[in-house]
């Protein structure tokens, strides 16, 4: 009987360890670096991929009169763009491009940081 009890304790201990190790670990978001934003290296790639596409804010379409294919177009509308991509209630929210998801929080934060840092053409 003593051997049975020890075996039962050992099995329960192993089961507890197995169950503990199978718990899903909370995924942490990768760090979003927003210091010293560069138009050329940080902002333009976001816009080219998500905003200045055909039918949206490219050189031909310029939806809402906003062209985001170059620095001057963004610079002229930067504060408005930030409010729109944040879906701030004081601005018309930027609709998601057809077939794409909204900008990631990190990309939104990068654009906002670039504007707050003086909208440098760098």
Protein backbone atom coordinates (compact mmCIF):
# COMPACT_ATOMS: atom_id res chain seq x y z
CA UNK A 1 0.00 0.00 0.00
CA UNK A 2 2.88 2.33 0.82
CA UNK A 3 4.38 1.72 -2.65
CA UNK A 4 1.03 2.48 -4.27
CA UNK A 5 0.73 5.75 -2.35
CA UNK A 6 4.29 6.81 -3.34
CA UNK A 7 3.57 5.94 -6.97
CA UNK A 8 0.34 7.98 -6.87
CA UNK A 9 2.19 10.99 -5.39
CA UNK A 10 4.89 10.71 -8.08
CA UNK A 11 2.30 10.57 -10.87
CA UNK A 12 0.40 13.56 -9.49
CA UNK A 13 3.66 15.51 -9.16
CA UNK A 14 4.57 14.81 -12.78
CA UNK A 15 1.09 15.77 -13.94
CA UNK A 16 1.32 19.07 -12.07
CA UNK A 17 4.71 19.84 -13.61
CA UNK A 18 3.40 18.96 -17.09
CA UNK A 19 0.32 21.13 -16.70
CA UNK A 20 2.38 24.05 -15.43
CA UNK A 21 4.80 23.87 -18.35
CA UNK A 22 1.95 23.80 -20.89
CA UNK A 23 0.45 27.11 -19.81
CA UNK A 24 0.50 29.64 -22.60
CA UNK A 25 3.06 32.30 -22.01
CA UNK A 26 1.86 35.84 -22.48
CA UNK A 27 3.41 37.19 -25.64
CA UNK A 28 5.04 40.52 -25.20
CA UNK A 29 4.94 43.13 -27.90
CA UNK A 30 8.32 43.90 -29.38
CA UNK A 31 9.68 47.26 -28.37
CA UNK A 32 8.52 50.10 -30.56
CA UNK A 33 11.36 52.55 -30.98
CA UNK A 34 10.04 56.06 -31.60
CA UNK A 35 13.07 58.19 -30.81
CA UNK A 36 14.86 60.12 -33.56
CA UNK A 37 12.35 59.25 -36.26
CA UNK A 38 13.53 59.62 -39.84
CA UNK A 39 11.14 60.40 -42.68
CA UNK A 40 13.20 58.39 -45.16
CA UNK A 41 13.95 55.35 -42.98
CA UNK A 42 10.91 55.12 -40.69
CA UNK A 43 7.92 57.04 -42.00
CA UNK A 44 8.06 56.76 -45.80
CA UNK A 45 8.18 52.92 -45.71
CA UNK A 46 5.03 52.89 -43.55
CA UNK A 47 3.23 55.24 -45.93
CA UNK A 48 4.43 53.46 -49.07
CA UNK A 49 3.18 50.12 -47.77
CA UNK A 50 -0.12 51.29 -46.31
CA UNK A 51 -1.22 54.73 -47.47
CA UNK A 52 0.26 55.98 -50.72
CA UNK A 53 -1.17 53.12 -52.73
CA UNK A 54 -3.38 53.22 -55.80
CA UNK A 55 -6.83 54.55 -54.99
CA UNK A 56 -5.77 56.03 -51.66
CA UNK A 57 -3.17 58.76 -51.20
CA UNK A 58 -0.76 58.16 -54.07
CA UNK A 59 0.28 60.79 -56.63
CA UNK A 60 -2.75 60.02 -58.83
CA UNK A 61 -5.53 59.48 -56.31
CA UNK A 62 -4.94 61.79 -53.36
CA UNK A 63 -8.17 60.86 -51.58
CA UNK A 64 -9.57 63.82 -49.66
CA UNK A 65 -6.94 66.04 -51.27
CA UNK A 66 -4.21 64.35 -49.23
CA UNK A 67 -1.16 63.05 -51.05
CA UNK A 68 1.19 60.90 -48.98
CA UNK A 69 3.60 59.70 -51.64
CA UNK A 70 6.21 62.34 -50.80
CA UNK A 71 7.48 64.50 -47.95
CA UNK A 72 5.71 67.70 -48.97
CA UNK A 73 2.32 65.99 -49.14
CA UNK A 74 2.67 64.51 -45.67
CA UNK A 75 4.24 67.64 -44.21
CA UNK A 76 1.26 69.74 -45.34
CA UNK A 77 -1.22 67.39 -43.64
CA UNK A 78 0.82 65.71 -40.90
CA UNK A 79 -1.25 66.71 -37.86
CA UNK A 80 -4.50 65.84 -39.65
CA UNK A 81 -3.06 62.47 -40.72
CA UNK A 82 -2.04 61.63 -37.14
CA UNK A 83 -5.53 62.40 -35.83
CA UNK A 84 -7.07 60.33 -38.63
CA UNK A 85 -4.87 57.25 -38.18
CA UNK A 86 -5.44 57.40 -34.42
CA UNK A 87 -9.18 57.57 -35.11
CA UNK A 88 -9.37 60.63 -32.88
CA UNK A 89 -12.94 61.86 -32.54
CA UNK A 90 -11.92 65.36 -33.66
CA UNK A 91 -10.99 64.12 -37.13
CA UNK A 92 -12.49 61.93 -39.82
CA UNK A 93 -11.03 58.47 -39.22
CA UNK A 94 -8.74 57.11 -41.89
CA UNK A 95 -10.45 54.04 -43.36
CA UNK A 96 -8.36 50.93 -43.69
CA UNK A 97 -7.13 50.21 -47.20
CA UNK A 98 -9.17 47.55 -48.98
CA UNK A 99 -7.82 44.12 -48.09
CA UNK A 100 -5.51 45.44 -45.37
CA UNK A 101 -5.71 45.86 -41.63
CA UNK A 102 -5.36 49.11 -39.75
CA UNK A 103 -1.89 50.42 -39.08
CA UNK A 104 -0.22 48.75 -36.15
CA UNK A 105 -0.09 50.72 -32.91
CA UNK A 106 3.68 50.87 -33.35
CA UNK A 107 3.39 52.41 -36.85
CA UNK A 108 0.83 54.92 -35.59
CA UNK A 109 3.14 55.84 -32.71
CA UNK A 110 6.07 56.25 -35.11
CA UNK A 111 4.17 58.67 -37.33
CA UNK A 112 2.92 60.61 -34.30
CA UNK A 113 6.44 60.74 -32.85
CA UNK A 114 7.87 61.97 -36.15
CA UNK A 115 5.33 64.81 -36.19
CA UNK A 116 6.02 65.66 -32.54
CA UNK A 117 9.75 65.68 -33.28
CA UNK A 118 9.34 68.44 -35.86
CA UNK A 119 8.47 66.59 -39.12
CA UNK A 120 12.09 66.56 -40.27
CA UNK A 121 12.84 65.72 -43.89
CA UNK A 122 15.63 63.32 -42.99
